[in-house]
């Protein structure tokens, strides 16, 4: 059985880190959108336009990934609350502590991690 309190602390720290990152990513997206709208460029033919489009795409992808990661952390904290943390959501077997140390938010044991879940 994993040391649930230790993982709770790790997950709460991760939640704080990701929560702090989201506003910064939103600000980056707003700045890129503003730069794009304020300039009179054709993204397709202007060398700077491709950079702005790339930055916007990258910031949007990071925002989506960070938001999804925050959801996973919140779900793991909920599992701690309901007593199911450290138990694989597929087979009901304990998740190895080493796996939880690498990905404390995972709901899957190593055997079920690769089934298209990205965990």
Protein backbone atom coordinates (compact mmCIF):
# COMPACT_ATOMS: atom_id res chain seq x y z
CA UNK A 1 0.00 0.00 0.00
CA UNK A 2 1.48 3.37 -0.99
CA UNK A 3 2.16 6.16 1.50
CA UNK A 4 -0.99 8.07 0.61
CA UNK A 5 -0.10 11.17 2.65
CA UNK A 6 3.21 11.54 0.82
CA UNK A 7 1.44 11.27 -2.53
CA UNK A 8 -1.24 13.73 -1.39
CA UNK A 9 1.51 16.30 -0.73
CA UNK A 10 3.12 15.61 -4.12
CA UNK A 11 -0.22 15.93 -5.89
CA UNK A 12 -1.12 19.14 -4.08
CA UNK A 13 2.25 20.62 -5.07
CA UNK A 14 1.67 19.55 -8.66
CA UNK A 15 -1.82 21.09 -8.58
CA UNK A 16 -0.36 24.40 -7.39
CA UNK A 17 2.35 24.32 -10.07
CA UNK A 18 -0.09 23.58 -12.86
CA UNK A 19 -2.65 26.07 -11.58
CA UNK A 20 0.00 28.79 -11.62
CA UNK A 21 1.05 27.85 -15.15
CA UNK A 22 -2.42 28.13 -16.72
CA UNK A 23 -2.78 31.94 -16.39
CA UNK A 24 0.70 32.42 -17.86
CA UNK A 25 -0.18 30.26 -20.85
CA UNK A 26 -3.47 32.13 -21.33
CA UNK A 27 -1.53 35.41 -21.25
CA UNK A 28 0.89 34.07 -23.89
CA UNK A 29 -2.04 33.12 -26.11
CA UNK A 30 -3.65 36.53 -25.64
CA UNK A 31 -0.34 38.25 -26.47
CA UNK A 32 0.15 36.15 -29.60
CA UNK A 33 -3.42 36.83 -30.72
CA UNK A 34 -2.95 40.53 -30.08
CA UNK A 35 0.31 40.59 -32.04
CA UNK A 36 -1.38 38.77 -34.87
CA UNK A 37 -4.39 41.11 -34.96
CA UNK A 38 -2.40 44.32 -34.51
CA UNK A 39 -0.09 43.61 -37.40
CA UNK A 40 -1.01 43.94 -41.02
CA UNK A 41 0.71 40.79 -42.20
CA UNK A 42 -0.13 37.80 -44.25
CA UNK A 43 0.92 34.85 -42.04
CA UNK A 44 1.43 32.61 -45.01
CA UNK A 45 3.86 34.91 -46.83
CA UNK A 46 5.46 36.93 -44.04
CA UNK A 47 8.46 35.37 -42.27
CA UNK A 48 7.27 36.77 -38.92
CA UNK A 49 3.73 35.54 -39.48
CA UNK A 50 4.82 31.92 -39.34
CA UNK A 51 6.54 32.61 -36.02
CA UNK A 52 3.42 34.16 -34.52
CA UNK A 53 1.29 31.26 -35.76
CA UNK A 54 3.79 28.75 -34.37
CA UNK A 55 3.92 30.47 -30.97
CA UNK A 56 0.14 30.58 -30.81
CA UNK A 57 -0.13 26.92 -31.74
CA UNK A 58 2.52 25.92 -29.22
CA UNK A 59 0.97 27.94 -26.37
CA UNK A 60 -2.47 26.53 -27.18
CA UNK A 61 -1.14 22.96 -27.11
CA UNK A 62 0.62 23.60 -23.79
CA UNK A 63 -2.55 25.11 -22.33
CA UNK A 64 -4.59 22.08 -23.39
CA UNK A 65 -1.97 19.67 -22.03
CA UNK A 66 -1.61 21.54 -18.73
CA UNK A 67 -5.36 21.76 -18.26
CA UNK A 68 -5.74 18.03 -18.90
CA UNK A 69 -2.88 17.35 -16.49
CA UNK A 70 -4.57 19.45 -13.84
CA UNK A 71 -7.74 17.40 -14.33
CA UNK A 72 -5.71 14.20 -13.82
CA UNK A 73 -4.18 15.59 -10.62
CA UNK A 74 -7.61 16.60 -9.32
CA UNK A 75 -8.95 13.12 -10.12
CA UNK A 76 -6.04 11.52 -8.23
CA UNK A 77 -6.74 13.70 -5.20
CA UNK A 78 -10.39 12.64 -5.39
CA UNK A 79 -9.27 8.97 -5.43
CA UNK A 80 -7.25 9.65 -2.28
CA UNK A 81 -10.39 11.09 -0.75
CA UNK A 82 -12.54 8.10 -1.62
CA UNK A 83 -9.93 5.50 -0.73
CA UNK A 84 -9.24 4.17 -4.23
CA UNK A 85 -5.85 5.81 -4.80
CA UNK A 86 -3.16 3.37 -5.88
CA UNK A 87 -5.64 0.85 -7.28
CA UNK A 88 -5.75 0.27 -11.05
CA UNK A 89 -9.03 1.48 -12.56
CA UNK A 90 -9.01 -1.45 -15.02
CA UNK A 91 -7.99 -4.55 -13.07
CA UNK A 92 -8.34 -3.44 -9.45
CA UNK A 93 -4.79 -4.50 -8.61
CA UNK A 94 -2.43 -2.24 -6.67
CA UNK A 95 -0.35 0.19 -8.74
CA UNK A 96 3.37 -0.25 -8.07
CA UNK A 97 4.76 2.48 -5.85
CA UNK A 98 7.53 3.17 -8.37
CA UNK A 99 4.88 3.91 -11.00
CA UNK A 100 3.07 6.22 -8.60
CA UNK A 101 6.34 8.02 -7.90
CA UNK A 102 6.85 8.58 -11.62
CA UNK A 103 3.20 9.52 -12.28
CA UNK A 104 1.39 10.10 -9.01
CA UNK A 105 -1.82 11.01 -10.86
CA UNK A 106 -2.11 7.75 -12.83
CA UNK A 107 -5.18 5.58 -12.32
CA UNK A 108 -3.60 2.63 -14.15
CA UNK A 109 -1.05 -0.04 -13.33
CA UNK A 110 1.83 -0.44 -15.75
CA UNK A 111 0.10 -3.33 -17.50
CA UNK A 112 -2.92 -1.17 -18.41
CA UNK A 113 -1.09 2.13 -18.94
CA UNK A 114 -0.57 1.72 -22.67
CA UNK A 115 -4.13 1.02 -23.69
CA UNK A 116 -4.45 4.40 -25.43
CA UNK A 117 -4.72 6.31 -22.21
CA UNK A 118 -1.43 8.25 -22.36
CA UNK A 119 -0.83 7.54 -18.68
